[in-house]
Protein backbone atom coordinates (compact mmCIF):
# COMPACT_ATOMS: atom_id res chain seq x y z
CA UNK A 1 -3.98 -57.59 12.67
CA UNK A 2 -1.14 -56.26 10.92
CA UNK A 3 0.19 -59.77 10.13
CA UNK A 4 -2.89 -60.93 8.28
CA UNK A 5 -2.95 -57.78 6.02
CA UNK A 6 0.27 -57.51 5.45
CA UNK A 7 0.03 -61.14 4.16
CA UNK A 8 -3.05 -60.43 2.39
CA UNK A 9 -1.35 -57.42 1.08
CA UNK A 10 1.64 -59.64 -0.54
CA UNK A 11 -0.56 -63.05 -1.54
CA UNK A 12 -2.89 -60.66 -4.06
CA UNK A 13 -0.01 -58.79 -5.61
CA UNK A 14 -1.50 -55.69 -4.58
CA UNK A 15 0.97 -53.32 -6.15
CA UNK A 16 -1.64 -50.07 -6.12
CA UNK A 17 0.30 -47.84 -3.81
CA UNK A 18 1.49 -47.21 -0.25
CA UNK A 19 -0.84 -48.88 2.21
CA UNK A 20 -0.93 -47.90 6.26
CA UNK A 21 -0.93 -51.45 7.81
CA UNK A 22 -1.14 -50.00 11.61
CA UNK A 23 -1.50 -47.07 13.81
CA UNK A 24 -0.92 -47.09 17.59
CA UNK A 25 -0.95 -43.16 18.25
CA UNK A 26 3.26 -43.38 19.15
CA UNK A 27 4.26 -45.33 16.28
CA UNK A 28 2.89 -46.85 12.28
CA UNK A 29 3.83 -49.10 9.75
CA UNK A 30 2.77 -48.64 5.70
CA UNK A 31 4.20 -50.61 3.20
CA UNK A 32 4.24 -50.93 -0.51
CA UNK A 33 5.06 -53.86 -2.36
CA UNK A 34 7.51 -53.74 -5.69
CA UNK A 35 10.14 -56.12 -6.08
CA UNK A 36 8.09 -59.64 -4.40
CA UNK A 37 11.71 -60.85 -3.75
CA UNK A 38 13.37 -57.98 -1.39
CA UNK A 39 12.03 -55.36 0.47
CA UNK A 40 13.75 -52.45 2.72
CA UNK A 41 12.82 -52.26 5.97
CA UNK A 42 13.77 -48.70 7.17
CA UNK A 43 12.88 -46.62 10.67
CA UNK A 44 11.84 -42.79 11.28
CA UNK A 45 15.51 -40.95 12.28
CA UNK A 46 15.36 -38.06 14.92
CA UNK A 47 13.70 -35.25 13.61
CA UNK A 48 13.37 -31.85 15.26
CA UNK A 49 9.18 -32.13 14.77
CA UNK A 50 8.18 -35.55 14.76
CA UNK A 51 7.07 -37.74 12.77
CA UNK A 52 9.43 -37.52 10.01
CA UNK A 53 7.97 -35.59 6.38
CA UNK A 54 9.46 -38.20 4.24
CA UNK A 55 9.50 -42.00 4.52
CA UNK A 56 13.36 -42.43 4.95
CA UNK A 57 15.25 -44.16 1.61
CA UNK A 58 12.21 -43.83 -0.26
CA UNK A 59 13.48 -41.83 -3.00
CA UNK A 60 16.42 -44.91 -3.62
CA UNK A 61 14.11 -47.85 -2.78
CA UNK A 62 11.16 -46.76 -5.16
CA UNK A 63 14.31 -45.97 -8.08
CA UNK A 64 15.37 -49.24 -7.42
CA UNK A 65 11.93 -50.91 -7.59
CA UNK A 66 12.29 -52.69 -4.10
CA UNK A 67 9.36 -53.52 -2.14
CA UNK A 68 9.59 -50.80 1.23
CA UNK A 69 8.63 -51.36 4.88
CA UNK A 70 8.70 -47.70 7.07
CA UNK A 71 7.81 -47.79 10.22
CA UNK A 72 7.64 -43.61 11.71
CA UNK A 73 7.04 -42.51 15.12
CA UNK A 74 5.27 -39.57 16.51
CA UNK A 75 8.30 -38.93 18.98
CA UNK A 76 11.76 -38.97 19.41
CA UNK A 77 11.97 -42.32 21.74
CA UNK A 78 13.79 -44.57 19.87
CA UNK A 79 11.54 -46.87 19.67
CA UNK A 80 10.90 -47.86 23.25
CA UNK A 81 7.47 -48.77 22.55
CA UNK A 82 5.45 -51.58 24.63
CA UNK A 83 4.20 -52.74 21.21
CA UNK A 84 6.28 -52.66 19.27
CA UNK A 85 8.50 -55.73 19.90
CA UNK A 86 5.65 -58.28 19.56
CA UNK A 87 4.60 -56.35 16.20
CA UNK A 88 8.08 -56.61 14.95
CA UNK A 89 7.90 -60.53 15.62
CA UNK A 90 4.98 -60.46 13.36
CA UNK A 91 5.84 -58.83 10.63
CA UNK A 92 9.49 -60.81 10.77
CA UNK A 93 7.66 -63.75 10.11
CA UNK A 94 5.56 -62.69 8.01
CA UNK A 95 8.37 -60.85 5.40
CA UNK A 96 10.78 -64.15 5.72
CA UNK A 97 7.90 -66.88 3.89
CA UNK A 98 7.65 -63.93 1.79
CA UNK A 99 10.72 -62.25 0.80
CA UNK A 100 14.33 -64.03 0.23
CA UNK A 101 15.85 -60.71 0.99
CA UNK A 102 15.10 -58.27 3.72
CA UNK A 103 17.20 -55.48 4.46
CA UNK A 104 16.96 -53.26 7.21
CA UNK A 105 18.45 -49.45 6.83
CA UNK A 106 18.61 -46.30 8.85
CA UNK A 107 20.34 -43.53 10.23
CA UNK A 108 20.97 -42.73 13.54
CA UNK A 109 18.23 -43.59 15.78
CA UNK A 110 16.66 -45.03 12.74
CA UNK A 111 20.12 -47.29 12.40
CA UNK A 112 19.67 -48.14 16.08
CA UNK A 113 16.24 -49.35 15.07
CA UNK A 114 17.20 -51.37 12.64
CA UNK A 115 19.78 -53.14 14.39
CA UNK A 116 17.94 -53.67 17.74
CA UNK A 117 15.12 -55.69 16.00
CA UNK A 118 17.25 -56.96 13.79
CA UNK A 119 16.66 -60.61 14.56
CA UNK A 120 13.02 -59.99 15.75
CA UNK A 121 12.08 -58.59 12.05
CA UNK A 122 14.45 -61.90 10.55
CA UNK A 123 16.21 -59.32 8.91
CA UNK A 124 18.94 -60.83 6.62
CA UNK A 125 21.40 -57.69 5.61
CA UNK A 126 21.57 -54.29 7.96
CA UNK A 127 22.53 -51.24 6.62
CA UNK A 128 23.39 -48.77 10.18
CA UNK A 129 24.35 -45.60 9.26
CA UNK A 130 25.76 -43.88 12.74
CA UNK A 131 23.75 -45.88 15.16
CA UNK A 132 23.54 -45.71 18.66
CA UNK A 133 24.13 -48.49 20.98
CA UNK A 134 21.81 -47.24 23.40
CA UNK A 135 21.17 -43.42 24.41
CA UNK A 136 20.36 -44.65 28.29
CA UNK A 137 23.02 -42.95 30.42
CA UNK A 138 23.60 -45.59 32.24
CA UNK A 139 24.96 -48.11 29.36
CA UNK A 140 26.64 -45.10 27.54
CA UNK A 141 27.74 -42.04 30.01
CA UNK A 142 29.42 -39.95 27.38
CA UNK A 143 26.26 -39.88 25.73
CA UNK A 144 24.70 -36.17 25.70
CA UNK A 145 23.50 -35.36 22.36
CA UNK A 146 19.79 -36.62 23.66
CA UNK A 147 19.79 -36.02 27.03
CA UNK A 148 16.43 -34.45 27.39
CA UNK A 149 14.96 -37.60 25.38
CA UNK A 150 17.60 -39.73 27.62
CA UNK A 151 15.49 -38.34 30.50
CA UNK A 152 11.96 -38.80 29.75
CA UNK A 153 12.14 -42.55 27.92
CA UNK A 154 11.38 -45.70 29.40
CA UNK A 155 13.98 -48.12 27.96
CA UNK A 156 11.88 -51.27 28.00
CA UNK A 157 13.70 -53.09 25.49
CA UNK A 158 17.54 -51.73 24.72
CA UNK A 159 19.58 -54.56 24.91
CA UNK A 160 21.52 -54.78 21.94
CA UNK A 161 23.84 -57.38 22.98
CA UNK A 162 21.22 -59.26 22.87
CA UNK A 163 18.78 -58.51 20.73
CA UNK A 164 21.45 -57.99 18.02
CA UNK A 165 20.70 -60.37 14.86
CA UNK A 166 23.56 -62.96 14.43
CA UNK A 167 22.60 -63.83 11.19
CA UNK A 168 22.17 -60.93 9.42
CA UNK A 169 25.18 -59.65 7.25
CA UNK A 170 25.26 -55.98 8.91
CA UNK A 171 27.07 -52.98 8.33
CA UNK A 172 27.80 -50.35 10.50
CA UNK A 173 29.28 -47.02 9.29
CA UNK A 174 30.44 -44.27 10.82
CA UNK A 175 32.79 -41.36 11.45
CA UNK A 176 35.92 -42.36 13.52
CA UNK A 177 36.20 -38.96 14.86
CA UNK A 178 32.75 -38.39 16.21
CA UNK A 179 31.21 -39.45 19.10
CA UNK A 180 29.39 -42.38 17.06
CA UNK A 181 33.10 -44.68 17.59
CA UNK A 182 32.54 -44.60 21.09
CA UNK A 183 28.97 -46.45 20.64
CA UNK A 184 30.53 -48.70 18.02
CA UNK A 185 32.77 -49.66 20.07
CA UNK A 186 30.19 -51.10 22.69
CA UNK A 187 28.70 -53.27 19.72
CA UNK A 188 29.26 -56.95 20.61
CA UNK A 189 32.21 -58.58 18.55
CA UNK A 190 30.33 -61.17 16.23
CA UNK A 191 31.29 -62.21 12.68
CA UNK A 192 28.44 -60.76 10.90
CA UNK A 193 29.06 -57.34 11.36
CA UNK A 194 31.40 -55.54 9.54
CA UNK A 195 32.76 -51.88 10.43
CA UNK A 196 33.21 -48.71 8.24
CA UNK A 197 35.15 -45.79 9.11
CA UNK A 198 34.05 -42.74 6.99
CA UNK A 199 36.87 -40.08 8.43
CA UNK A 200 35.35 -36.35 8.49
CA UNK A 201 31.69 -37.52 8.27
CA UNK A 202 30.30 -36.55 10.49
CA UNK A 203 26.96 -36.95 12.19
CA UNK A 204 25.30 -38.59 10.67
CA UNK A 205 27.71 -40.02 7.78
CA UNK A 206 24.84 -40.71 4.92
CA UNK A 207 24.84 -36.64 4.68
CA UNK A 208 28.60 -36.69 3.68
CA UNK A 209 28.04 -40.19 1.80
CA UNK A 210 25.23 -38.56 -0.28
CA UNK A 211 27.61 -35.44 -0.94
CA UNK A 212 30.33 -37.39 -2.18
CA UNK A 213 28.03 -39.13 -4.41
CA UNK A 214 28.68 -42.45 -2.78
CA UNK A 215 25.62 -43.67 -1.27
CA UNK A 216 23.32 -45.27 -3.61
CA UNK A 217 26.72 -47.07 -4.50
CA UNK A 218 27.31 -48.15 -0.69
CA UNK A 219 23.98 -49.31 -0.91
CA UNK A 220 23.78 -51.17 -3.99
CA UNK A 221 27.40 -52.12 -3.43
CA UNK A 222 26.44 -53.84 0.01
CA UNK A 223 23.64 -55.77 -1.37
CA UNK A 224 25.01 -57.77 -4.38
CA UNK A 225 28.08 -58.92 -2.05
CA UNK A 226 30.32 -56.87 -4.14
CA UNK A 227 31.31 -53.98 -1.74
CA UNK A 228 35.19 -53.87 0.04
CA UNK A 229 35.43 -52.01 2.78
CA UNK A 230 39.10 -50.82 2.15
CA UNK A 231 38.77 -49.59 -1.18
CA UNK A 232 35.33 -47.86 -0.20
CA UNK A 233 36.30 -45.55 2.62
CA UNK A 234 39.87 -44.66 0.54
CA UNK A 235 37.33 -43.80 -1.87
CA UNK A 236 35.60 -41.53 0.35
CA UNK A 237 38.62 -40.10 1.99
CA UNK A 238 39.59 -38.99 -2.09
CA UNK A 239 36.42 -36.95 -2.08
CA UNK A 240 35.19 -35.95 1.52
CA UNK A 241 37.61 -32.90 1.59
CA UNK A 242 35.72 -31.36 -1.43
CA UNK A 243 31.72 -31.70 0.55
CA UNK A 244 30.03 -29.16 2.17
CA UNK A 245 30.05 -31.85 5.15
CA UNK A 246 33.91 -31.63 5.71
CA UNK A 247 33.85 -27.67 6.31
CA UNK A 248 30.75 -28.00 8.34
CA UNK A 249 32.44 -30.76 10.58
CA UNK A 250 35.76 -28.55 10.76
CA UNK A 251 33.64 -25.95 11.57
CA UNK A 252 32.30 -27.21 14.56
CA UNK A 253 35.77 -28.63 16.06
CA UNK A 254 36.94 -25.29 15.41
CA UNK A 255 34.11 -23.91 17.13
CA UNK A 256 34.47 -26.13 20.13
CA UNK A 257 38.04 -25.17 20.52
CA UNK A 258 37.24 -21.56 20.69
CA UNK A 259 38.53 -20.60 17.35
CA UNK A 260 35.74 -18.75 16.15
CA UNK A 261 36.83 -16.86 12.84
CA UNK A 262 38.44 -19.77 11.47
CA UNK A 263 35.36 -21.69 12.63
CA UNK A 264 33.12 -18.41 10.60
CA UNK A 265 35.49 -19.39 7.41
CA UNK A 266 34.97 -23.36 7.43
CA UNK A 267 31.30 -22.86 7.54
CA UNK A 268 30.66 -19.87 4.97
CA UNK A 269 32.83 -22.19 2.99
CA UNK A 270 30.22 -25.04 3.74
CA UNK A 271 27.33 -22.99 3.00
CA UNK A 272 28.77 -21.52 -0.55
CA UNK A 273 28.74 -25.14 -1.62
CA UNK A 274 25.93 -26.06 -0.46
CA UNK A 275 22.96 -23.73 -0.40
CA UNK A 276 20.42 -24.02 2.31
CA UNK A 277 20.86 -25.99 5.61
CA UNK A 278 19.60 -25.99 8.74
CA UNK A 279 22.82 -27.17 10.21
CA UNK A 280 25.33 -24.83 8.57
CA UNK A 281 23.02 -21.59 8.92
CA UNK A 282 22.56 -22.12 12.97
CA UNK A 283 26.08 -22.64 13.32
CA UNK A 284 27.25 -19.42 11.41
CA UNK A 285 24.75 -17.85 13.51
CA UNK A 286 26.39 -18.70 16.45
CA UNK A 287 29.68 -17.83 15.31
CA UNK A 288 28.33 -13.79 14.52
CA UNK A 289 26.79 -14.20 17.85
CA UNK A 290 30.03 -14.82 19.92
CA UNK A 291 32.03 -12.22 17.45
CA UNK A 292 29.31 -9.45 18.62
CA UNK A 293 27.82 -9.19 15.14
CA UNK A 294 24.06 -9.48 16.18
CA UNK A 295 22.23 -8.33 13.10
CA UNK A 296 23.94 -10.75 10.84
CA UNK A 297 23.14 -13.56 13.43
CA UNK A 298 19.67 -13.16 13.46
CA UNK A 299 19.79 -13.02 9.78
CA UNK A 300 21.66 -16.48 9.90
CA UNK A 301 19.16 -18.21 12.28
CA UNK A 302 16.01 -16.78 10.61
CA UNK A 303 17.68 -18.58 7.11
CA UNK A 304 17.48 -21.60 9.64
CA UNK A 305 14.59 -21.31 10.77
CA UNK A 306 12.52 -20.69 7.20
CA UNK A 307 14.63 -24.49 6.56
CA UNK A 308 13.30 -25.72 9.72
CA UNK A 309 11.85 -24.16 12.63
CA UNK A 310 11.88 -25.33 16.17
CA UNK A 311 12.78 -23.91 20.04
CA UNK A 312 16.39 -23.93 19.92
CA UNK A 313 16.70 -21.72 16.51
CA UNK A 314 13.96 -19.83 17.99
CA UNK A 315 15.48 -19.08 21.26
CA UNK A 316 18.82 -18.03 19.11
CA UNK A 317 17.03 -16.01 17.25
CA UNK A 318 15.21 -14.22 20.69
CA UNK A 319 18.34 -13.71 22.20
CA UNK A 320 20.22 -12.29 19.35
CA UNK A 321 17.14 -9.55 18.69
CA UNK A 322 17.35 -8.78 22.33
CA UNK A 323 21.01 -8.33 22.41
CA UNK A 324 20.02 -6.19 18.85
CA UNK A 325 17.84 -4.23 19.96
CA UNK A 326 15.73 -3.26 17.72
CA UNK A 327 12.38 -3.56 18.43
CA UNK A 328 10.09 -4.95 15.15
CA UNK A 329 12.97 -7.37 14.72
CA UNK A 330 12.39 -8.00 18.82
CA UNK A 331 7.99 -8.88 18.34
CA UNK A 332 8.86 -10.99 15.56
CA UNK A 333 10.76 -13.37 17.46
CA UNK A 334 8.86 -13.37 20.41
CA UNK A 335 6.19 -14.27 18.15
CA UNK A 336 7.69 -17.32 17.29
CA UNK A 337 9.18 -18.36 20.06
CA UNK A 338 5.47 -17.93 21.60
CA UNK A 339 4.52 -20.06 18.63
CA UNK A 340 6.93 -22.82 19.46
CA UNK A 341 7.43 -23.17 23.19
CA UNK A 342 5.07 -26.23 24.80
CA UNK A 343 6.06 -24.67 28.14
CA UNK A 344 4.30 -21.69 28.28
CA UNK A 345 5.76 -20.60 32.01
CA UNK A 346 9.43 -21.50 30.64
CA UNK A 347 8.60 -18.73 27.86
CA UNK A 348 7.23 -16.27 29.72
CA UNK A 349 10.31 -16.78 32.16
CA UNK A 350 13.04 -16.82 29.48
CA UNK A 351 11.28 -13.68 27.86
CA UNK A 352 11.46 -11.89 30.49
CA UNK A 353 14.54 -12.33 31.57
CA UNK A 354 15.73 -11.53 27.97
CA UNK A 355 14.08 -8.48 27.76
CA UNK A 356 15.33 -7.84 30.89
CA UNK A 357 18.98 -6.97 29.57
CA UNK A 358 17.30 -4.76 26.47
CA UNK A 359 17.14 -1.09 26.68
CA UNK A 360 13.76 -1.35 24.75
CA UNK A 361 12.24 -3.36 28.47
CA UNK A 362 9.57 -0.84 29.39
CA UNK A 363 8.57 -0.11 25.61
CA UNK A 364 7.75 -3.97 25.67
CA UNK A 365 6.53 -4.19 28.71
């Protein structure tokens, strides 16, 4: 069904807008026809509350006038769906017969998807920003960032060494000082794979690239084969220290070393340069919490929640409100956490445990 729908759209030259090719309840595929020579195939990255609100790289692809096929998912499942591989193979046959250039593009979990299905989709170029080799702890014992996801996922198609295309021109862009470098080291040594080291970019590298004004340049030069990895890395190195992400990555390193005051100084520089950012506000709040300024910490966690509210930030705000002992702010934090937490018994246990520490406990209960 999806192959016939996609083929019909291309054959008819229907450029009226986005069309949903399929939706399984686990993932969906959408397509828009523009350029009839080049199509971008993109994947959702990890989201705190999936699915993603926007299609990956839509603004760039649209401005460039390229056709665009996008996969989105309802969960952070690293594309481990029973139906996904055969559907990718169907799509691959169609786009290979219709488009001279098929470009996979993604970041983090999306980059993993673009690489894992590069052969099935018959891609001839792939841009992978901060990709994973896998998140299965049996294969990447060092990877703990997505431990919760890894515990619940049934890895039915996760053999990167076998699945990775041997014919596509593949670019792996990553920060060599981040855990991502351990993933990169596990990718097979193939002549069609180029590695680009972007020191200080953190995870994912797309944020720093965008802040440095180099993301569009990277994609455009890779498409027209004019990119020089050495020159690009050098140019990036000369610009990274002026980006908010540089200060954020520095703040994280200092925080992990226990140098909380220095971390606070660095993250304040990041916020001053960038404005609103969930990750920046969250880290500043954690610094302030450890320094005992619970009122200021709660303020930062609330700012983060305004950008994107999830269970993690709600729990951090709740802990700050408990330590602060402010009844009104505590009630607001409890309400926010209860609204988000999907495990009611766990929610009650956490709130009860925290409240018992609070001088407001008799008033609240």
